[in-house]
C-alpha atoms as a PDB file:
ATOM      1  CA  MET A   1      -0.207  -0.107   0.173  1.00  0.00           C
ATOM      2  CA  LEU A   2       1.386   3.438  -1.206  1.00  0.00           C
ATOM      3  CA  ASN A   3      -0.970   5.273   1.261  1.00  0.00           C
ATOM      4  CA  ALA A   4      -1.451   7.592  -1.517  1.00  0.00           C
ATOM      5  CA  GLY A   5      -4.176  10.257  -1.278  1.00  0.00           C
ATOM      6  CA  ARG A   6      -7.260   9.137  -3.937  1.00  0.00           C
ATOM      7  CA  GLU A   7      -6.755  13.225  -5.319  1.00  0.00           C
ATOM      8  CA  ARG A   8      -3.100  11.817  -6.139  1.00  0.00           C
ATOM      9  CA  VAL A   9      -4.186   8.630  -8.250  1.00  0.00           C
ATOM     10  CA  ILE A  10      -4.753   9.331 -11.873  1.00  0.00           C
ATOM     11  CA  LEU A  11      -6.239   6.781 -14.349  1.00  0.00           C
ATOM     12  CA  MET A  12      -5.789   6.605 -17.674  1.00  0.00           C
ATOM     13  CA  PRO A  13      -8.053   4.517 -20.428  1.00  0.00           C
ATOM     14  CA  GLU A  14      -5.762   1.290 -21.914  1.00  0.00           C
ATOM     15  CA  GLY A  15      -6.194   1.174 -26.122  1.00  0.00           C
ATOM     16  CA  VAL A  16      -4.334   1.762 -29.211  1.00  0.00           C
ATOM     17  CA  ASP A  17      -7.439   3.682 -31.422  1.00  0.00           C
ATOM     18  CA  ILE A  18      -9.132   6.290 -30.735  1.00  0.00           C
ATOM     19  CA  GLU A  19     -12.458   4.813 -30.754  1.00  0.00           C
ATOM     20  CA  ARG A  20     -11.486   2.371 -28.137  1.00  0.00           C
ATOM     21  CA  LEU A  21      -9.805   5.219 -25.873  1.00  0.00           C
ATOM     22  CA  ARG A  22     -12.878   7.238 -26.229  1.00  0.00           C
ATOM     23  CA  GLU A  23     -15.547   4.283 -25.429  1.00  0.00           C
ATOM     24  CA  ARG A  24     -12.857   3.292 -22.333  1.00  0.00           C
ATOM     25  CA  GLY A  25     -12.537   7.042 -21.344  1.00  0.00           C
ATOM     26  CA  VAL A  26     -16.179   7.972 -20.881  1.00  0.00           C
ATOM     27  CA  TRP A  27     -16.926   5.146 -18.018  1.00  0.00           C
ATOM     28  CA  LEU A  28     -13.393   5.774 -16.501  1.00  0.00           C
ATOM     29  CA  ALA A  29     -13.707   9.461 -16.300  1.00  0.00           C
ATOM     30  CA  GLU A  30     -17.153   8.503 -14.519  1.00  0.00           C
ATOM     31  CA  VAL A  31     -15.402   6.220 -11.806  1.00  0.00           C
ATOM     32  CA  CYS A  32     -12.780   9.036 -11.496  1.00  0.00           C
ATOM     33  CA  LYS A  33     -15.449  11.450 -10.715  1.00  0.00           C
ATOM     34  CA  ALA A  34     -17.414   9.108  -8.080  1.00  0.00           C
ATOM     35  CA  GLU A  35     -13.820   7.614  -6.616  1.00  0.00           C
ATOM     36  CA  GLY A  36     -12.252  10.922  -6.076  1.00  0.00           C
ATOM     37  CA  PHE A  37      -9.579  10.023  -8.695  1.00  0.00           C
ATOM     38  CA  ARG A  38      -8.186  12.286 -11.212  1.00  0.00           C
ATOM     39  CA  PHE A  39      -7.942  11.248 -14.998  1.00  0.00           C
ATOM     40  CA  SER A  40      -5.776  11.623 -17.829  1.00  0.00           C
ATOM     41  CA  PRO A  41      -6.511  11.026 -21.352  1.00  0.00           C
ATOM     42  CA  GLN A  42      -4.216   9.353 -23.880  1.00  0.00           C
ATOM     43  CA  LEU A  43      -3.525  12.694 -25.443  1.00  0.00           C
ATOM     44  CA  HIS A  44      -0.542  11.195 -27.590  1.00  0.00           C
ATOM     45  CA  VAL A  45      -2.573   8.762 -29.611  1.00  0.00           C
ATOM     46  CA  ASP A  46      -5.355  11.580 -30.461  1.00  0.00           C
ATOM     47  CA  LEU A  47      -2.621  14.097 -31.717  1.00  0.00           C
ATOM     48  CA  TRP A  48       0.144  11.488 -33.399  1.00  0.00           C
ATOM     49  CA  GLY A  49      -1.686   8.045 -33.481  1.00  0.00           C
ATOM     50  CA  ALA A  50      -0.603   4.808 -31.568  1.00  0.00           C
ATOM     51  CA  GLY A  51       2.692   4.242 -33.534  1.00  0.00           C
ATOM     52  CA  ARG A  52       5.634   3.169 -31.427  1.00  0.00           C
ATOM     53  CA  GLY A  53       7.818   5.950 -30.601  1.00  0.00           C
ATOM     54  CA  VAL A  54       5.439   8.818 -30.252  1.00  0.00           C
END
């Protein structure tokens, strides 16, 4: 156990394509709001795609 406060936990949806990330991001954002976690999208996938090294 890290003893980190919920406000310090950041969750990010898993996926390699924009559609899946958006789909999972919708429900994950709701979980974050309900549980007091922070949410971070995978912005690099939106900007540059899911290729290696981006």
